[in-house]
Amino acid sequence: MSHPATVTTLTHNGASPIVRELRHDAYVPVWRAMQQFTSRRSAETADELWVVEHPPVFTLGLAGKREHILDAGDIPVVQSDRGGQVTYHGPGQVVIYLLIDLKRARLGARALVSAIENAVIALLADYRITAQARRHAPGVYVEGKKIAALGLRIRRGCSYHGLALNVDMDLSPFARINSCGYAGLAVTQLRDHVQINDRRIVATRLCGHLLAGLAYNDGSIEQAEINYVLDPASHRSG
């Protein structure tokens, strides 16, 4: 998987965060690229956010149990190294991976989780949707239904993996799993609450909230200024 060159002008502890739009890319190559990036990064490496949409895939976290996959059918299952249980990724979902030097940011894992949850909650508030986080069940919920899942890995003091926000997708594959390890956990998506014309706008706004919540900016930078420049070579159907 090749990476597009997309650079913001924001600063954070001397480093400029980079937002990369990978668009539609298979899960495993992106996962391997995150591992490689984390292994090779130095104290001077800029933090990055990767925005991607995956083809259908079930992923098992380190705590995931195969019995929580009720009927995979024709959807592949990947054993991942992220935290958490089982979840589904597919078209119409905005996935953002956060490759953050937590030591440099002086940020703990729990604080990172809270920052991600708060960014999703702030995004949903932009659409006048009230959402909540749950202390013992990471993620974001609307009317008791899960709209965003989280899963992180911390290695060498740095994070990778991230969040998946259901935007405008076929939710039926979630019925084939005990999502996040909970039998009968209902899921929802942004489209169920508001009209969505462009998932890319949602992704851009969410990146803005993430960058603000992680102290890359004070919220004064317009979210529309977080631009993407896609390298055509990175566009793959997976």
C-alpha atoms as a PDB file:
ATOM      1  CA  MET A   1       0.000   0.000   0.000  1.00  0.00           C
ATOM      2  CA  SER A   2       1.441   3.370  -1.018  1.00  0.00           C
ATOM      3  CA  HIS A   3       0.717   6.532   0.916  1.00  0.00           C
ATOM      4  CA  PRO A   4      -0.612   9.809  -0.484  1.00  0.00           C
ATOM      5  CA  ALA A   5       1.212  12.965   0.533  1.00  0.00           C
ATOM      6  CA  THR A   6      -1.281  15.027   2.507  1.00  0.00           C
ATOM      7  CA  VAL A   7       0.117  17.533   4.953  1.00  0.00           C
ATOM      8  CA  THR A   8      -1.635  19.935   7.312  1.00  0.00           C
ATOM      9  CA  THR A   9       0.053  23.038   8.676  1.00  0.00           C
ATOM     10  CA  LEU A  10      -0.881  22.503  12.314  1.00  0.00           C
ATOM     11  CA  THR A  11       1.754  22.071  15.022  1.00  0.00           C
ATOM     12  CA  HIS A  12       1.928  19.972  18.164  1.00  0.00           C
ATOM     13  CA  ASN A  13       4.987  19.909  20.398  1.00  0.00           C
ATOM     14  CA  GLY A  14       7.192  20.791  17.452  1.00  0.00           C
ATOM     15  CA  ALA A  15       5.705  18.233  15.043  1.00  0.00           C
ATOM     16  CA  SER A  16       3.244  18.793  12.204  1.00  0.00           C
ATOM     17  CA  PRO A  17       0.413  16.236  12.090  1.00  0.00           C
ATOM     18  CA  ILE A  18      -0.284  14.644   8.735  1.00  0.00           C
ATOM     19  CA  VAL A  19      -3.733  13.587   7.554  1.00  0.00           C
ATOM     20  CA  ARG A  20      -3.677  10.859   4.915  1.00  0.00           C
ATOM     21  CA  GLU A  21      -6.727   9.795   2.946  1.00  0.00           C
ATOM     22  CA  LEU A  22      -6.379   6.180   1.845  1.00  0.00           C
ATOM     23  CA  ARG A  23      -9.983   5.969   0.640  1.00  0.00           C
ATOM     24  CA  HIS A  24     -10.978   2.353  -0.085  1.00  0.00           C
ATOM     25  CA  ASP A  25      -8.216  -0.002   1.038  1.00  0.00           C
ATOM     26  CA  ALA A  26      -8.159  -3.565   2.378  1.00  0.00           C
ATOM     27  CA  TYR A  27      -7.765  -3.987   6.125  1.00  0.00           C
ATOM     28  CA  VAL A  28      -4.636  -6.132   6.309  1.00  0.00           C
ATOM     29  CA  PRO A  29      -2.335  -3.952   4.145  1.00  0.00           C
ATOM     30  CA  VAL A  30      -3.335  -0.858   6.133  1.00  0.00           C
ATOM     31  CA  TRP A  31      -2.795  -2.702   9.419  1.00  0.00           C
ATOM     32  CA  ARG A  32       0.660  -3.872   8.332  1.00  0.00           C
ATOM     33  CA  ALA A  33       1.518  -0.339   7.228  1.00  0.00           C
ATOM     34  CA  MET A  34       0.534   0.989  10.664  1.00  0.00           C
ATOM     35  CA  GLN A  35       2.771  -1.571  12.340  1.00  0.00           C
ATOM     36  CA  GLN A  36       5.652  -0.672  10.046  1.00  0.00           C
ATOM     37  CA  PHE A  37       5.154   3.051  10.588  1.00  0.00           C
ATOM     38  CA  THR A  38       5.150   2.588  14.369  1.00  0.00           C
ATOM     39  CA  SER A  39       8.263   0.395  14.302  1.00  0.00           C
ATOM     40  CA  ARG A  40      10.206   2.862  12.176  1.00  0.00           C
ATOM     41  CA  ARG A  41       9.119   6.177  13.657  1.00  0.00           C
ATOM     42  CA  SER A  42      11.543   8.282  15.675  1.00  0.00           C
ATOM     43  CA  ALA A  43      11.109  11.018  18.267  1.00  0.00           C
ATOM     44  CA  GLU A  44      10.976  13.518  15.388  1.00  0.00           C
ATOM     45  CA  THR A  45       8.375  11.685  13.303  1.00  0.00           C
ATOM     46  CA  ALA A  46       5.174  13.652  12.827  1.00  0.00           C
ATOM     47  CA  ASP A  47       1.968  12.134  14.141  1.00  0.00           C
ATOM     48  CA  GLU A  48      -0.540  11.027  11.521  1.00  0.00           C
ATOM     49  CA  LEU A  49      -4.249  10.389  11.051  1.00  0.00           C
ATOM     50  CA  TRP A  50      -5.178   7.889   8.335  1.00  0.00           C
ATOM     51  CA  VAL A  51      -8.689   8.109   6.910  1.00  0.00           C
ATOM     52  CA  VAL A  52      -9.872   4.960   5.172  1.00  0.00           C
ATOM     53  CA  GLU A  53     -12.912   2.950   4.136  1.00  0.00           C
ATOM     54  CA  HIS A  54     -12.491  -0.834   4.211  1.00  0.00           C
ATOM     55  CA  PRO A  55     -14.169  -3.553   2.149  1.00  0.00           C
ATOM     56  CA  PRO A  56     -16.314  -5.867   4.322  1.00  0.00           C
ATOM     57  CA  VAL A  57     -14.284  -7.526   7.088  1.00  0.00           C
ATOM     58  CA  PHE A  58     -14.765  -8.743  10.643  1.00  0.00           C
ATOM     59  CA  THR A  59     -11.827  -8.037  12.938  1.00  0.00           C
ATOM     60  CA  LEU A  60     -11.075  -9.699  16.254  1.00  0.00           C
ATOM     61  CA  GLY A  61      -9.181  -7.701  18.853  1.00  0.00           C
ATOM     62  CA  LEU A  62      -6.761  -9.170  21.361  1.00  0.00           C
ATOM     63  CA  ALA A  63      -9.652  -9.889  23.725  1.00  0.00           C
ATOM     64  CA  GLY A  64     -11.864 -11.200  20.940  1.00  0.00           C
ATOM     65  CA  LYS A  65     -13.438 -14.641  21.119  1.00  0.00           C
ATOM     66  CA  ARG A  66     -14.355 -16.638  18.035  1.00  0.00           C
ATOM     67  CA  GLU A  67     -17.716 -17.550  19.542  1.00  0.00           C
ATOM     68  CA  HIS A  68     -18.734 -13.900  19.184  1.00  0.00           C
ATOM     69  CA  ILE A  69     -18.674 -14.401  15.408  1.00  0.00           C
ATOM     70  CA  LEU A  70     -22.065 -16.025  14.919  1.00  0.00           C
ATOM     71  CA  ASP A  71     -22.067 -16.389  11.132  1.00  0.00           C
ATOM     72  CA  ALA A  72     -19.192 -14.891   9.158  1.00  0.00           C
ATOM     73  CA  GLY A  73     -20.566 -16.185   5.878  1.00  0.00           C
ATOM     74  CA  ASP A  74     -18.574 -14.774   2.971  1.00  0.00           C
ATOM     75  CA  ILE A  75     -17.051 -11.941   5.019  1.00  0.00           C
ATOM     76  CA  PRO A  76     -13.383 -12.552   5.934  1.00  0.00           C
ATOM     77  CA  VAL A  77     -12.274 -12.622   9.567  1.00  0.00           C
ATOM     78  CA  VAL A  78      -8.955 -11.078  10.600  1.00  0.00           C
ATOM     79  CA  GLN A  79      -7.273 -11.609  13.974  1.00  0.00           C
ATOM     80  CA  SER A  80      -5.877  -8.164  14.732  1.00  0.00           C
ATOM     81  CA  ASP A  81      -3.533  -6.796  17.395  1.00  0.00           C
ATOM     82  CA  ARG A  82      -5.820  -3.967  18.472  1.00  0.00           C
ATOM     83  CA  GLY A  83      -7.547  -3.873  21.814  1.00  0.00           C
ATOM     84  CA  GLY A  84     -11.143  -4.940  22.216  1.00  0.00           C
ATOM     85  CA  GLN A  85     -13.450  -7.611  20.890  1.00  0.00           C
ATOM     86  CA  VAL A  86     -15.047  -8.211  17.489  1.00  0.00           C
ATOM     87  CA  THR A  87     -16.349  -5.547  15.131  1.00  0.00           C
ATOM     88  CA  TYR A  88     -17.286  -5.065  11.497  1.00  0.00           C
ATOM     89  CA  HIS A  89     -15.813  -2.709   8.907  1.00  0.00           C
ATOM     90  CA  GLY A  90     -17.411  -2.035   5.564  1.00  0.00           C
ATOM     91  CA  PRO A  91     -18.292   0.497   2.878  1.00  0.00           C
ATOM     92  CA  GLY A  92     -20.052   3.574   4.216  1.00  0.00           C
ATOM     93  CA  GLN A  93     -18.050   3.627   7.430  1.00  0.00           C
ATOM     94  CA  VAL A  94     -15.474   6.315   8.243  1.00  0.00           C
ATOM     95  CA  VAL A  95     -12.399   4.717   9.817  1.00  0.00           C
ATOM     96  CA  ILE A  96      -9.675   6.945  11.250  1.00  0.00           C
ATOM     97  CA  TYR A  97      -6.422   5.495  12.532  1.00  0.00           C
ATOM     98  CA  LEU A  98      -4.422   7.592  14.993  1.00  0.00           C
ATOM     99  CA  LEU A  99      -0.655   7.170  14.886  1.00  0.00           C
ATOM    100  CA  ILE A 100       0.296   9.313  17.869  1.00  0.00           C
ATOM    101  CA  ASP A 101       3.505   9.593  19.901  1.00  0.00           C
ATOM    102  CA  LEU A 102       1.871   9.465  23.313  1.00  0.00           C
ATOM    103  CA  LYS A 103       5.121  10.103  25.158  1.00  0.00           C
ATOM    104  CA  ARG A 104       5.697  13.312  23.256  1.00  0.00           C
ATOM    105  CA  ALA A 105       2.067  14.319  23.692  1.00  0.00           C
ATOM    106  CA  ARG A 106       2.202  13.425  27.406  1.00  0.00           C
ATOM    107  CA  LEU A 107      -1.001  11.527  26.891  1.00  0.00           C
ATOM    108  CA  GLY A 108      -2.078   8.278  28.522  1.00  0.00           C
ATOM    109  CA  ALA A 109      -4.086   5.551  26.834  1.00  0.00           C
ATOM    110  CA  ARG A 110      -7.259   6.315  28.794  1.00  0.00           C
ATOM    111  CA  ALA A 111      -6.955  10.010  27.965  1.00  0.00           C
ATOM    112  CA  LEU A 112      -6.559   9.145  24.282  1.00  0.00           C
ATOM    113  CA  VAL A 113      -9.706   7.012  24.374  1.00  0.00           C
ATOM    114  CA  SER A 114     -11.612   9.868  26.010  1.00  0.00           C
ATOM    115  CA  ALA A 115     -10.309  12.353  23.437  1.00  0.00           C
ATOM    116  CA  ILE A 116     -11.487  10.111  20.598  1.00  0.00           C
ATOM    117  CA  GLU A 117     -14.906   9.582  22.169  1.00  0.00           C
ATOM    118  CA  ASN A 118     -15.299  13.304  22.837  1.00  0.00           C
ATOM    119  CA  ALA A 119     -14.373  14.111  19.234  1.00  0.00           C
ATOM    120  CA  VAL A 120     -17.099  11.788  17.941  1.00  0.00           C
ATOM    121  CA  ILE A 121     -19.606  13.242  20.416  1.00  0.00           C
ATOM    122  CA  ALA A 122     -18.681  16.767  19.270  1.00  0.00           C
ATOM    123  CA  LEU A 123     -19.082  15.764  15.627  1.00  0.00           C
ATOM    124  CA  LEU A 124     -22.525  14.323  16.293  1.00  0.00           C
ATOM    125  CA  ALA A 125     -23.463  17.494  18.177  1.00  0.00           C
ATOM    126  CA  ASP A 126     -22.710  19.382  14.946  1.00  0.00           C
ATOM    127  CA  TYR A 127     -25.621  17.409  13.501  1.00  0.00           C
ATOM    128  CA  ARG A 128     -27.763  18.039  16.619  1.00  0.00           C
ATOM    129  CA  ILE A 129     -27.445  14.433  17.700  1.00  0.00           C
ATOM    130  CA  THR A 130     -26.983  13.728  21.401  1.00  0.00           C
ATOM    131  CA  ALA A 131     -24.459  10.969  22.061  1.00  0.00           C
ATOM    132  CA  GLN A 132     -22.711   9.466  25.073  1.00  0.00           C
ATOM    133  CA  ALA A 133     -19.659   7.403  25.938  1.00  0.00           C
ATOM    134  CA  ARG A 134     -19.681   4.499  28.392  1.00  0.00           C
ATOM    135  CA  ARG A 135     -16.879   4.088  30.898  1.00  0.00           C
ATOM    136  CA  HIS A 136     -16.747   0.292  30.765  1.00  0.00           C
ATOM    137  CA  ALA A 137     -17.756  -0.152  27.121  1.00  0.00           C
ATOM    138  CA  PRO A 138     -15.564   2.130  24.983  1.00  0.00           C
ATOM    139  CA  GLY A 139     -17.268   3.695  22.019  1.00  0.00           C
ATOM    140  CA  VAL A 140     -20.021   6.208  21.366  1.00  0.00           C
ATOM    141  CA  TYR A 141     -23.744   5.548  21.671  1.00  0.00           C
ATOM    142  CA  VAL A 142     -26.904   7.267  20.453  1.00  0.00           C
ATOM    143  CA  GLU A 143     -30.123   6.318  22.232  1.00  0.00           C
ATOM    144  CA  GLY A 144     -28.350   3.226  23.557  1.00  0.00           C
ATOM    145  CA  LYS A 145     -27.219   2.094  20.111  1.00  0.00           C
ATOM    146  CA  LYS A 146     -23.545   2.010  19.172  1.00  0.00           C
ATOM    147  CA  ILE A 147     -22.559   4.395  16.406  1.00  0.00           C
ATOM    148  CA  ALA A 148     -18.764   4.362  16.806  1.00  0.00           C
ATOM    149  CA  ALA A 149     -16.319   1.660  17.902  1.00  0.00           C
ATOM    150  CA  LEU A 150     -12.803   2.123  19.267  1.00  0.00           C
ATOM    151  CA  GLY A 151      -9.778  -0.126  19.320  1.00  0.00           C
ATOM    152  CA  LEU A 152      -6.171   0.877  19.955  1.00  0.00           C
ATOM    153  CA  ARG A 153      -2.732  -0.644  20.274  1.00  0.00           C
ATOM    154  CA  ILE A 154       0.068   1.073  22.193  1.00  0.00           C
ATOM    155  CA  ARG A 155       3.615   0.057  21.273  1.00  0.00           C
ATOM    156  CA  ARG A 156       6.887   1.855  21.950  1.00  0.00           C
ATOM    157  CA  GLY A 157       4.845   4.588  23.602  1.00  0.00           C
ATOM    158  CA  CYS A 158       2.935   5.205  20.370  1.00  0.00           C
ATOM    159  CA  SER A 159      -0.631   4.430  19.320  1.00  0.00           C
ATOM    160  CA  TYR A 160      -2.070   2.904  16.188  1.00  0.00           C
ATOM    161  CA  HIS A 161      -5.501   1.614  15.139  1.00  0.00           C
ATOM    162  CA  GLY A 162      -8.325   3.981  16.095  1.00  0.00           C
ATOM    163  CA  LEU A 163     -12.049   4.463  15.522  1.00  0.00           C
ATOM    164  CA  ALA A 164     -14.824   3.433  13.152  1.00  0.00           C
ATOM    165  CA  LEU A 165     -17.895   5.645  12.740  1.00  0.00           C
ATOM    166  CA  ASN A 166     -20.988   4.211  11.071  1.00  0.00           C
ATOM    167  CA  VAL A 167     -22.121   6.831   8.566  1.00  0.00           C
ATOM    168  CA  ASP A 168     -24.117   5.483   5.607  1.00  0.00           C
ATOM    169  CA  MET A 169     -23.752   1.726   5.351  1.00  0.00           C
ATOM    170  CA  ASP A 170     -25.412  -1.669   5.356  1.00  0.00           C
ATOM    171  CA  LEU A 171     -25.657  -2.514   9.056  1.00  0.00           C
ATOM    172  CA  SER A 172     -26.884  -6.089   8.542  1.00  0.00           C
ATOM    173  CA  PRO A 173     -23.415  -7.710   8.984  1.00  0.00           C
ATOM    174  CA  PHE A 174     -23.447  -6.540  12.609  1.00  0.00           C
ATOM    175  CA  ALA A 175     -26.248  -9.077  13.178  1.00  0.00           C
ATOM    176  CA  ARG A 176     -23.722 -11.844  12.413  1.00  0.00           C
ATOM    177  CA  ILE A 177     -21.576 -10.968  15.444  1.00  0.00           C
ATOM    178  CA  ASN A 178     -21.851 -10.079  19.096  1.00  0.00           C
ATOM    179  CA  SER A 179     -20.564  -6.604  18.422  1.00  0.00           C
ATOM    180  CA  CYS A 180     -17.758  -5.672  20.828  1.00  0.00           C
ATOM    181  CA  GLY A 181     -18.487  -8.906  22.694  1.00  0.00           C
ATOM    182  CA  TYR A 182     -22.037  -7.961  23.723  1.00  0.00           C
ATOM    183  CA  ALA A 183     -24.882 -10.202  22.601  1.00  0.00           C
ATOM    184  CA  GLY A 184     -27.733  -8.228  21.112  1.00  0.00           C
ATOM    185  CA  LEU A 185     -25.945  -4.879  21.123  1.00  0.00           C
ATOM    186  CA  ALA A 186     -27.872  -2.613  18.772  1.00  0.00           C
ATOM    187  CA  VAL A 187     -26.010  -0.426  16.304  1.00  0.00           C
ATOM    188  CA  THR A 188     -26.956   2.723  14.458  1.00  0.00           C
ATOM    189  CA  GLN A 189     -25.451   5.092  11.921  1.00  0.00           C
ATOM    190  CA  LEU A 190     -25.441   8.778  11.098  1.00  0.00           C
ATOM    191  CA  ARG A 191     -27.818   8.268   8.164  1.00  0.00           C
ATOM    192  CA  ASP A 192     -30.515   7.016  10.558  1.00  0.00           C
ATOM    193  CA  HIS A 193     -30.609  10.462  12.176  1.00  0.00           C
ATOM    194  CA  VAL A 194     -29.745  13.011   9.466  1.00  0.00           C
ATOM    195  CA  GLN A 195     -29.399  13.168   5.708  1.00  0.00           C
ATOM    196  CA  ILE A 196     -25.817  12.496   4.610  1.00  0.00           C
ATOM    197  CA  ASN A 197     -24.720  13.638   1.171  1.00  0.00           C
ATOM    198  CA  ASP A 198     -20.951  13.263   1.430  1.00  0.00           C
ATOM    199  CA  ARG A 199     -19.076  10.982   3.837  1.00  0.00           C
ATOM    200  CA  ARG A 200     -15.894  12.885   3.053  1.00  0.00           C
ATOM    201  CA  ILE A 201     -17.317  15.987   4.737  1.00  0.00           C
ATOM    202  CA  VAL A 202     -18.076  13.882   7.805  1.00  0.00           C
ATOM    203  CA  ALA A 203     -14.510  12.551   7.829  1.00  0.00           C
ATOM    204  CA  THR A 204     -13.037  16.034   7.482  1.00  0.00           C
ATOM    205  CA  ARG A 205     -15.143  17.384  10.339  1.00  0.00           C
ATOM    206  CA  LEU A 206     -14.232  14.444  12.526  1.00  0.00           C
ATOM    207  CA  CYS A 207     -10.532  14.962  11.816  1.00  0.00           C
ATOM    208  CA  GLY A 208     -10.961  18.576  12.879  1.00  0.00           C
ATOM    209  CA  HIS A 209     -12.499  17.561  16.192  1.00  0.00           C
ATOM    210  CA  LEU A 210      -9.779  14.967  16.763  1.00  0.00           C
ATOM    211  CA  LEU A 211      -7.000  17.464  16.093  1.00  0.00           C
ATOM    212  CA  ALA A 212      -8.595  20.023  18.394  1.00  0.00           C
ATOM    213  CA  GLY A 213      -9.169  17.459  21.145  1.00  0.00           C
ATOM    214  CA  LEU A 214      -5.572  16.298  20.925  1.00  0.00           C
ATOM    215  CA  ALA A 215      -4.362  19.915  21.258  1.00  0.00           C
ATOM    216  CA  TYR A 216      -3.072  20.255  17.708  1.00  0.00           C
ATOM    217  CA  ASN A 217      -5.168  23.407  17.490  1.00  0.00           C
ATOM    218  CA  ASP A 218      -7.483  25.459  19.661  1.00  0.00           C
ATOM    219  CA  GLY A 219     -10.518  24.959  17.469  1.00  0.00           C
ATOM    220  CA  SER A 220      -9.952  28.233  15.615  1.00  0.00           C
ATOM    221  CA  ILE A 221      -8.796  26.502  12.432  1.00  0.00           C
ATOM    222  CA  GLU A 222     -11.657  25.808  10.085  1.00  0.00           C
ATOM    223  CA  GLN A 223     -12.288  22.102   9.658  1.00  0.00           C
ATOM    224  CA  ALA A 224     -12.559  22.641   5.900  1.00  0.00           C
ATOM    225  CA  GLU A 225      -8.893  23.641   5.897  1.00  0.00           C
ATOM    226  CA  ILE A 226      -7.895  20.054   6.684  1.00  0.00           C
ATOM    227  CA  ASN A 227      -7.497  19.103   3.050  1.00  0.00           C
ATOM    228  CA  TYR A 228      -6.745  15.805   1.373  1.00  0.00           C
ATOM    229  CA  VAL A 229      -4.584  15.210  -1.682  1.00  0.00           C
ATOM    230  CA  LEU A 230      -4.923  11.653  -2.895  1.00  0.00           C
ATOM    231  CA  ASP A 231      -2.140   9.871  -4.718  1.00  0.00           C
ATOM    232  CA  PRO A 232      -4.030   7.901  -7.416  1.00  0.00           C
ATOM    233  CA  ALA A 233      -1.640   4.981  -6.895  1.00  0.00           C
ATOM    234  CA  SER A 234      -3.060   4.508  -3.399  1.00  0.00           C
ATOM    235  CA  HIS A 235      -6.624   4.005  -4.627  1.00  0.00           C
ATOM    236  CA  ARG A 236      -7.284   0.293  -4.411  1.00  0.00           C
ATOM    237  CA  SER A 237     -10.439  -1.734  -4.159  1.00  0.00           C
ATOM    238  CA  GLY A 238      -8.839  -4.157  -1.701  1.00  0.00           C
END
